[in-house]
Amino acid sequence: MDIGTRADRDRAAPFDDIRARAGACTDCDLWKPATATVFGEGPVPASLMLMGEQPGDHEDREGRPFVGPAGKLLDEALTDASIDRSAVYLTNAVKHFKFVKGRNGKTRIHKTPTRTEVAACRQWWELELEIVQPSVLGLLGATAAQAVLGPEFRVSRQRAQPCELPGGVVAIATIHPSAVLRTREGRADVYAGFVEDLVTIASHARGKRRGS
């Protein structure tokens, strides 16, 4: 992140403070088995912020968001949607990896966070929104969408539909890239739909910039 200007330095200081505070958070029990707190990453400010569910195994080990298989697929989809990943702020609704051990005792298998765990992390992504100041928030998957838009929201019915949040940020939900990876039949079509949703998200971000 380039913090060469005074305005950039002013933003960097609170961002680093928030990240440090999140790293010490014990408001739910997910921090206990996790390797690291995985905070958001990207330019501050950024016109586009993408938020997924939670870190995975790779993200927990490296301490960075979207660096595992789902992150690699997201990279491909962003490229196909003509979105520069380096211009996007990436984060998750939950900052710790929730998992159960596989039968061999070594494999760590993703487990969906509870509403209580999601609620405990709400403070962090809300602070990220304040600092990053995106015009559009892309929500990847049901957990992220419901964390922001409420438990009644259904990605299957309402994906790619813009919803304006208090403060003027436009939230748009789509599937999580891991959903593409889990698809066995018709994966090309599912991937194409994901890319199309990212194009829609980016077009709203560009439109908001022109209109601001």
C-alpha atoms as a PDB file:
ATOM      1  CA  MET A   1       0.000   0.000   0.000  1.00  0.00           C
ATOM      2  CA  ASP A   2       1.384   3.361  -1.008  1.00  0.00           C
ATOM      3  CA  ILE A   3       1.205   5.719   1.968  1.00  0.00           C
ATOM      4  CA  GLY A   4       3.200   8.506   0.409  1.00  0.00           C
ATOM      5  CA  THR A   5       0.576  11.225   0.822  1.00  0.00           C
ATOM      6  CA  ARG A   6      -0.673  12.684   4.083  1.00  0.00           C
ATOM      7  CA  ALA A   7      -4.204  11.435   3.411  1.00  0.00           C
ATOM      8  CA  ASP A   8      -2.894   7.916   2.831  1.00  0.00           C
ATOM      9  CA  ARG A   9      -0.873   8.035   6.045  1.00  0.00           C
ATOM     10  CA  ASP A  10      -3.949   9.186   7.968  1.00  0.00           C
ATOM     11  CA  ARG A  11      -5.875   6.156   6.697  1.00  0.00           C
ATOM     12  CA  ALA A  12      -2.991   3.734   7.274  1.00  0.00           C
ATOM     13  CA  ALA A  13      -2.694   4.534  10.973  1.00  0.00           C
ATOM     14  CA  PRO A  14      -6.296   3.585  11.944  1.00  0.00           C
ATOM     15  CA  PHE A  15      -6.231   0.619   9.546  1.00  0.00           C
ATOM     16  CA  ASP A  16      -3.124  -0.814  11.216  1.00  0.00           C
ATOM     17  CA  ASP A  17      -4.694  -0.170  14.611  1.00  0.00           C
ATOM     18  CA  ILE A  18      -7.893  -1.994  13.667  1.00  0.00           C
ATOM     19  CA  ARG A  19      -5.944  -4.933  12.253  1.00  0.00           C
ATOM     20  CA  ALA A  20      -3.923  -5.187  15.477  1.00  0.00           C
ATOM     21  CA  ARG A  21      -7.083  -5.053  17.587  1.00  0.00           C
ATOM     22  CA  ALA A  22      -8.707  -7.765  15.478  1.00  0.00           C
ATOM     23  CA  GLY A  23      -5.600  -9.890  15.953  1.00  0.00           C
ATOM     24  CA  ALA A  24      -6.161  -9.812  19.705  1.00  0.00           C
ATOM     25  CA  CYS A  25      -9.928 -10.427  19.544  1.00  0.00           C
ATOM     26  CA  THR A  26     -11.312 -13.207  21.772  1.00  0.00           C
ATOM     27  CA  ASP A  27     -15.024 -12.375  21.426  1.00  0.00           C
ATOM     28  CA  CYS A  28     -15.756 -15.919  20.235  1.00  0.00           C
ATOM     29  CA  ASP A  29     -13.830 -19.189  20.581  1.00  0.00           C
ATOM     30  CA  LEU A  30     -12.624 -19.481  16.980  1.00  0.00           C
ATOM     31  CA  TRP A  31      -9.286 -17.844  17.834  1.00  0.00           C
ATOM     32  CA  LYS A  32      -8.275 -20.781  20.064  1.00  0.00           C
ATOM     33  CA  PRO A  33      -7.575 -23.484  17.413  1.00  0.00           C
ATOM     34  CA  ALA A  34      -6.735 -21.032  14.608  1.00  0.00           C
ATOM     35  CA  THR A  35      -3.170 -20.362  13.519  1.00  0.00           C
ATOM     36  CA  ALA A  36      -3.742 -16.710  12.687  1.00  0.00           C
ATOM     37  CA  THR A  37      -6.269 -13.914  12.505  1.00  0.00           C
ATOM     38  CA  VAL A  38      -6.768 -13.341   8.772  1.00  0.00           C
ATOM     39  CA  PHE A  39      -7.590  -9.682   8.295  1.00  0.00           C
ATOM     40  CA  GLY A  40      -8.400  -7.923   5.035  1.00  0.00           C
ATOM     41  CA  GLU A  41      -5.810  -7.039   2.439  1.00  0.00           C
ATOM     42  CA  GLY A  42      -5.635  -4.556  -0.406  1.00  0.00           C
ATOM     43  CA  PRO A  43      -5.548  -0.849  -1.176  1.00  0.00           C
ATOM     44  CA  VAL A  44      -7.005   1.613   1.324  1.00  0.00           C
ATOM     45  CA  PRO A  45      -9.190   3.259   0.138  1.00  0.00           C
ATOM     46  CA  ALA A  46     -10.606   1.078  -2.645  1.00  0.00           C
ATOM     47  CA  SER A  47     -13.731   1.516  -4.747  1.00  0.00           C
ATOM     48  CA  LEU A  48     -14.423  -2.244  -4.656  1.00  0.00           C
ATOM     49  CA  MET A  49     -14.365  -4.477  -1.573  1.00  0.00           C
ATOM     50  CA  LEU A  50     -15.039  -8.213  -1.837  1.00  0.00           C
ATOM     51  CA  MET A  51     -15.979 -10.137   1.283  1.00  0.00           C
ATOM     52  CA  GLY A  52     -16.122 -13.909   1.579  1.00  0.00           C
ATOM     53  CA  GLU A  53     -17.164 -16.192   4.415  1.00  0.00           C
ATOM     54  CA  GLN A  54     -14.052 -17.067   6.402  1.00  0.00           C
ATOM     55  CA  PRO A  55     -10.404 -18.026   5.836  1.00  0.00           C
ATOM     56  CA  GLY A  56      -9.657 -21.568   4.711  1.00  0.00           C
ATOM     57  CA  ASP A  57      -6.781 -23.884   5.590  1.00  0.00           C
ATOM     58  CA  HIS A  58      -4.262 -22.110   3.336  1.00  0.00           C
ATOM     59  CA  GLU A  59      -5.355 -18.662   4.490  1.00  0.00           C
ATOM     60  CA  ASP A  60      -5.079 -19.677   8.152  1.00  0.00           C
ATOM     61  CA  ARG A  61      -1.532 -20.928   7.656  1.00  0.00           C
ATOM     62  CA  GLU A  62      -0.384 -17.890   5.654  1.00  0.00           C
ATOM     63  CA  GLY A  63      -2.413 -15.226   7.464  1.00  0.00           C
ATOM     64  CA  ARG A  64      -3.722 -13.745   4.194  1.00  0.00           C
ATOM     65  CA  PRO A  65      -7.176 -13.862   2.536  1.00  0.00           C
ATOM     66  CA  PHE A  66      -7.928 -15.794  -0.664  1.00  0.00           C
ATOM     67  CA  VAL A  67      -4.584 -17.530  -1.183  1.00  0.00           C
ATOM     68  CA  GLY A  68      -5.894 -21.114  -1.398  1.00  0.00           C
ATOM     69  CA  PRO A  69      -7.685 -22.948  -4.247  1.00  0.00           C
ATOM     70  CA  ALA A  70     -10.773 -20.704  -3.994  1.00  0.00           C
ATOM     71  CA  GLY A  71      -8.501 -17.660  -4.090  1.00  0.00           C
ATOM     72  CA  LYS A  72      -6.788 -18.924  -7.230  1.00  0.00           C
ATOM     73  CA  LEU A  73     -10.163 -19.425  -8.903  1.00  0.00           C
ATOM     74  CA  LEU A  74     -11.171 -15.925  -7.797  1.00  0.00           C
ATOM     75  CA  ASP A  75      -7.992 -14.584  -9.416  1.00  0.00           C
ATOM     76  CA  GLU A  76      -8.962 -16.238 -12.711  1.00  0.00           C
ATOM     77  CA  ALA A  77     -12.527 -14.951 -12.487  1.00  0.00           C
ATOM     78  CA  LEU A  78     -11.390 -11.399 -11.719  1.00  0.00           C
ATOM     79  CA  THR A  79      -9.103 -11.514 -14.738  1.00  0.00           C
ATOM     80  CA  ASP A  80     -11.936 -12.800 -16.946  1.00  0.00           C
ATOM     81  CA  ALA A  81     -14.158 -10.020 -15.575  1.00  0.00           C
ATOM     82  CA  SER A  82     -11.460  -7.420 -16.390  1.00  0.00           C
ATOM     83  CA  ILE A  83     -10.997  -6.540 -12.707  1.00  0.00           C
ATOM     84  CA  ASP A  84      -7.523  -5.785 -11.402  1.00  0.00           C
ATOM     85  CA  ARG A  85      -7.149  -7.765  -8.166  1.00  0.00           C
ATOM     86  CA  SER A  86      -4.490  -5.347  -6.918  1.00  0.00           C
ATOM     87  CA  ALA A  87      -7.166  -2.616  -6.934  1.00  0.00           C
ATOM     88  CA  VAL A  88      -9.613  -4.693  -4.846  1.00  0.00           C
ATOM     89  CA  TYR A  89      -9.764  -4.909  -1.061  1.00  0.00           C
ATOM     90  CA  LEU A  90     -10.340  -8.549  -0.055  1.00  0.00           C
ATOM     91  CA  THR A  91     -11.632  -9.701   3.310  1.00  0.00           C
ATOM     92  CA  ASN A  92     -13.943 -12.171   5.058  1.00  0.00           C
ATOM     93  CA  ALA A  93     -16.982 -11.866   7.308  1.00  0.00           C
ATOM     94  CA  VAL A  94     -15.222 -14.078   9.878  1.00  0.00           C
ATOM     95  CA  LYS A  95     -11.519 -13.614  10.569  1.00  0.00           C
ATOM     96  CA  HIS A  96     -10.618 -17.078  11.906  1.00  0.00           C
ATOM     97  CA  PHE A  97     -10.735 -20.490  10.244  1.00  0.00           C
ATOM     98  CA  LYS A  98     -13.450 -22.735  11.680  1.00  0.00           C
ATOM     99  CA  PHE A  99     -12.752 -26.411  11.057  1.00  0.00           C
ATOM    100  CA  VAL A 100     -13.075 -29.978  12.247  1.00  0.00           C
ATOM    101  CA  LYS A 101     -10.334 -32.591  12.046  1.00  0.00           C
ATOM    102  CA  GLY A 102     -10.604 -35.288   9.401  1.00  0.00           C
ATOM    103  CA  ARG A 103     -10.422 -39.002  10.155  1.00  0.00           C
ATOM    104  CA  ASN A 104      -6.639 -38.993   9.864  1.00  0.00           C
ATOM    105  CA  GLY A 105      -6.429 -36.337  12.575  1.00  0.00           C
ATOM    106  CA  LYS A 106      -4.420 -34.033  10.315  1.00  0.00           C
ATOM    107  CA  THR A 107      -6.752 -32.775   7.575  1.00  0.00           C
ATOM    108  CA  ARG A 108      -8.697 -29.689   8.602  1.00  0.00           C
ATOM    109  CA  ILE A 109     -12.184 -29.578   7.101  1.00  0.00           C
ATOM    110  CA  HIS A 110     -14.071 -26.298   6.754  1.00  0.00           C
ATOM    111  CA  LYS A 111     -17.103 -25.869   8.977  1.00  0.00           C
ATOM    112  CA  THR A 112     -19.680 -23.086   8.532  1.00  0.00           C
ATOM    113  CA  PRO A 113     -19.519 -20.438  11.280  1.00  0.00           C
ATOM    114  CA  THR A 114     -22.534 -20.033  13.548  1.00  0.00           C
ATOM    115  CA  ARG A 115     -24.568 -16.828  13.630  1.00  0.00           C
ATOM    116  CA  THR A 116     -22.978 -16.013  16.996  1.00  0.00           C
ATOM    117  CA  GLU A 117     -19.494 -16.327  15.525  1.00  0.00           C
ATOM    118  CA  VAL A 118     -20.455 -14.242  12.502  1.00  0.00           C
ATOM    119  CA  ALA A 119     -21.962 -11.598  14.787  1.00  0.00           C
ATOM    120  CA  ALA A 120     -18.786 -11.457  16.882  1.00  0.00           C
ATOM    121  CA  CYS A 121     -16.790 -10.457  13.785  1.00  0.00           C
ATOM    122  CA  ARG A 122     -19.282  -7.880  12.534  1.00  0.00           C
ATOM    123  CA  GLN A 123     -17.385  -5.101  14.311  1.00  0.00           C
ATOM    124  CA  TRP A 124     -14.279  -5.763  12.203  1.00  0.00           C
ATOM    125  CA  TRP A 125     -15.797  -5.699   8.725  1.00  0.00           C
ATOM    126  CA  GLU A 126     -17.861  -2.661   9.681  1.00  0.00           C
ATOM    127  CA  LEU A 127     -14.632  -0.879  10.639  1.00  0.00           C
ATOM    128  CA  GLU A 128     -13.050  -2.083   7.384  1.00  0.00           C
ATOM    129  CA  LEU A 129     -15.936  -0.497   5.468  1.00  0.00           C
ATOM    130  CA  GLU A 130     -15.322   2.793   7.267  1.00  0.00           C
ATOM    131  CA  ILE A 131     -11.610   2.794   6.461  1.00  0.00           C
ATOM    132  CA  VAL A 132     -11.673   1.294   2.948  1.00  0.00           C
ATOM    133  CA  GLN A 133     -14.656   3.443   1.885  1.00  0.00           C
ATOM    134  CA  PRO A 134     -15.732   1.286  -1.075  1.00  0.00           C
ATOM    135  CA  SER A 135     -18.509   2.371  -3.362  1.00  0.00           C
ATOM    136  CA  VAL A 136     -19.479  -1.287  -3.868  1.00  0.00           C
ATOM    137  CA  LEU A 137     -19.269  -4.270  -1.507  1.00  0.00           C
ATOM    138  CA  GLY A 138     -19.291  -7.620  -3.296  1.00  0.00           C
ATOM    139  CA  LEU A 139     -20.513 -10.433  -1.034  1.00  0.00           C
ATOM    140  CA  LEU A 140     -19.192 -13.891  -1.889  1.00  0.00           C
ATOM    141  CA  GLY A 141     -21.430 -16.657  -0.609  1.00  0.00           C
ATOM    142  CA  ALA A 142     -24.378 -17.022   1.750  1.00  0.00           C
ATOM    143  CA  THR A 143     -22.539 -16.401   5.025  1.00  0.00           C
ATOM    144  CA  ALA A 144     -21.130 -13.062   3.861  1.00  0.00           C
ATOM    145  CA  ALA A 145     -24.425 -12.038   2.246  1.00  0.00           C
ATOM    146  CA  GLN A 146     -26.487 -12.847   5.325  1.00  0.00           C
ATOM    147  CA  ALA A 147     -23.961 -11.194   7.652  1.00  0.00           C
ATOM    148  CA  VAL A 148     -24.570  -7.912   5.827  1.00  0.00           C
ATOM    149  CA  LEU A 149     -28.079  -8.218   4.382  1.00  0.00           C
ATOM    150  CA  GLY A 150     -29.794 -10.330   7.027  1.00  0.00           C
ATOM    151  CA  PRO A 151     -30.601 -14.017   7.612  1.00  0.00           C
ATOM    152  CA  GLU A 152     -33.528 -14.009   5.190  1.00  0.00           C
ATOM    153  CA  PHE A 153     -31.311 -13.136   2.219  1.00  0.00           C
ATOM    154  CA  ARG A 154     -30.903 -15.972  -0.300  1.00  0.00           C
ATOM    155  CA  VAL A 155     -28.078 -15.835  -2.824  1.00  0.00           C
ATOM    156  CA  SER A 156     -29.912 -18.371  -4.980  1.00  0.00           C
ATOM    157  CA  ARG A 157     -32.795 -15.925  -5.474  1.00  0.00           C
ATOM    158  CA  GLN A 158     -31.193 -12.500  -5.047  1.00  0.00           C
ATOM    159  CA  ARG A 159     -27.698 -12.761  -6.475  1.00  0.00           C
ATOM    160  CA  ALA A 160     -26.431  -9.831  -8.524  1.00  0.00           C
ATOM    161  CA  GLN A 161     -29.203  -7.560  -7.207  1.00  0.00           C
ATOM    162  CA  PRO A 162     -27.855  -4.251  -5.844  1.00  0.00           C
ATOM    163  CA  CYS A 163     -28.873  -3.318  -2.291  1.00  0.00           C
ATOM    164  CA  GLU A 164     -27.928   0.085  -0.907  1.00  0.00           C
ATOM    165  CA  LEU A 165     -26.606   0.039   2.645  1.00  0.00           C
ATOM    166  CA  PRO A 166     -26.787   2.906   5.144  1.00  0.00           C
ATOM    167  CA  GLY A 167     -24.078   5.321   4.119  1.00  0.00           C
ATOM    168  CA  GLY A 168     -24.578   4.732   0.395  1.00  0.00           C
ATOM    169  CA  VAL A 169     -22.419   1.634  -0.182  1.00  0.00           C
ATOM    170  CA  VAL A 170     -24.026  -0.715  -2.717  1.00  0.00           C
ATOM    171  CA  ALA A 171     -23.911  -4.391  -1.698  1.00  0.00           C
ATOM    172  CA  ILE A 172     -24.180  -7.096  -4.365  1.00  0.00           C
ATOM    173  CA  ALA A 173     -24.079 -10.806  -3.576  1.00  0.00           C
ATOM    174  CA  THR A 174     -22.922 -13.746  -5.653  1.00  0.00           C
ATOM    175  CA  ILE A 175     -21.705 -17.276  -4.990  1.00  0.00           C
ATOM    176  CA  HIS A 176     -18.405 -18.003  -3.293  1.00  0.00           C
ATOM    177  CA  PRO A 177     -15.628 -19.231  -5.608  1.00  0.00           C
ATOM    178  CA  SER A 178     -15.482 -22.444  -3.560  1.00  0.00           C
ATOM    179  CA  ALA A 179     -19.005 -23.189  -4.828  1.00  0.00           C
ATOM    180  CA  VAL A 180     -17.572 -23.337  -8.340  1.00  0.00           C
ATOM    181  CA  LEU A 181     -14.869 -25.739  -7.170  1.00  0.00           C
ATOM    182  CA  ARG A 182     -17.472 -28.007  -5.558  1.00  0.00           C
ATOM    183  CA  THR A 183     -19.519 -28.214  -8.770  1.00  0.00           C
ATOM    184  CA  ARG A 184     -19.062 -31.546 -10.555  1.00  0.00           C
ATOM    185  CA  GLU A 185     -21.429 -31.159 -13.486  1.00  0.00           C
ATOM    186  CA  GLY A 186     -21.824 -27.965 -15.466  1.00  0.00           C
ATOM    187  CA  ARG A 187     -18.873 -26.263 -13.811  1.00  0.00           C
ATOM    188  CA  ALA A 188     -18.160 -24.147 -16.895  1.00  0.00           C
ATOM    189  CA  ASP A 189     -21.662 -22.665 -16.744  1.00  0.00           C
ATOM    190  CA  VAL A 190     -21.422 -22.032 -12.994  1.00  0.00           C
ATOM    191  CA  TYR A 191     -18.059 -20.348 -13.480  1.00  0.00           C
ATOM    192  CA  ALA A 192     -19.417 -18.226 -16.344  1.00  0.00           C
ATOM    193  CA  GLY A 193     -22.287 -17.083 -14.114  1.00  0.00           C
ATOM    194  CA  PHE A 194     -19.830 -16.157 -11.375  1.00  0.00           C
ATOM    195  CA  VAL A 195     -17.759 -14.092 -13.807  1.00  0.00           C
ATOM    196  CA  GLU A 196     -20.916 -12.412 -15.089  1.00  0.00           C
ATOM    197  CA  ASP A 197     -21.823 -11.435 -11.521  1.00  0.00           C
ATOM    198  CA  LEU A 198     -18.335  -9.986 -10.985  1.00  0.00           C
ATOM    199  CA  VAL A 199     -18.761  -7.941 -14.162  1.00  0.00           C
ATOM    200  CA  THR A 200     -22.036  -6.606 -12.739  1.00  0.00           C
ATOM    201  CA  ILE A 201     -20.347  -5.763  -9.432  1.00  0.00           C
ATOM    202  CA  ALA A 202     -17.497  -3.967 -11.219  1.00  0.00           C
ATOM    203  CA  SER A 203     -19.897  -2.031 -13.442  1.00  0.00           C
ATOM    204  CA  HIS A 204     -21.680  -0.658 -10.369  1.00  0.00           C
ATOM    205  CA  ALA A 205     -18.329   0.348  -8.858  1.00  0.00           C
ATOM    206  CA  ARG A 206     -17.358   2.178 -12.053  1.00  0.00           C
ATOM    207  CA  GLY A 207     -20.794   3.800 -12.253  1.00  0.00           C
ATOM    208  CA  LYS A 208     -20.573   5.020  -8.670  1.00  0.00           C
ATOM    209  CA  ARG A 209     -17.130   6.522  -9.362  1.00  0.00           C
ATOM    210  CA  ARG A 210     -18.439   8.401 -12.397  1.00  0.00           C
ATOM    211  CA  GLY A 211     -21.462   9.603 -10.459  1.00  0.00           C
ATOM    212  CA  SER A 212     -19.530  10.759  -7.401  1.00  0.00           C
END
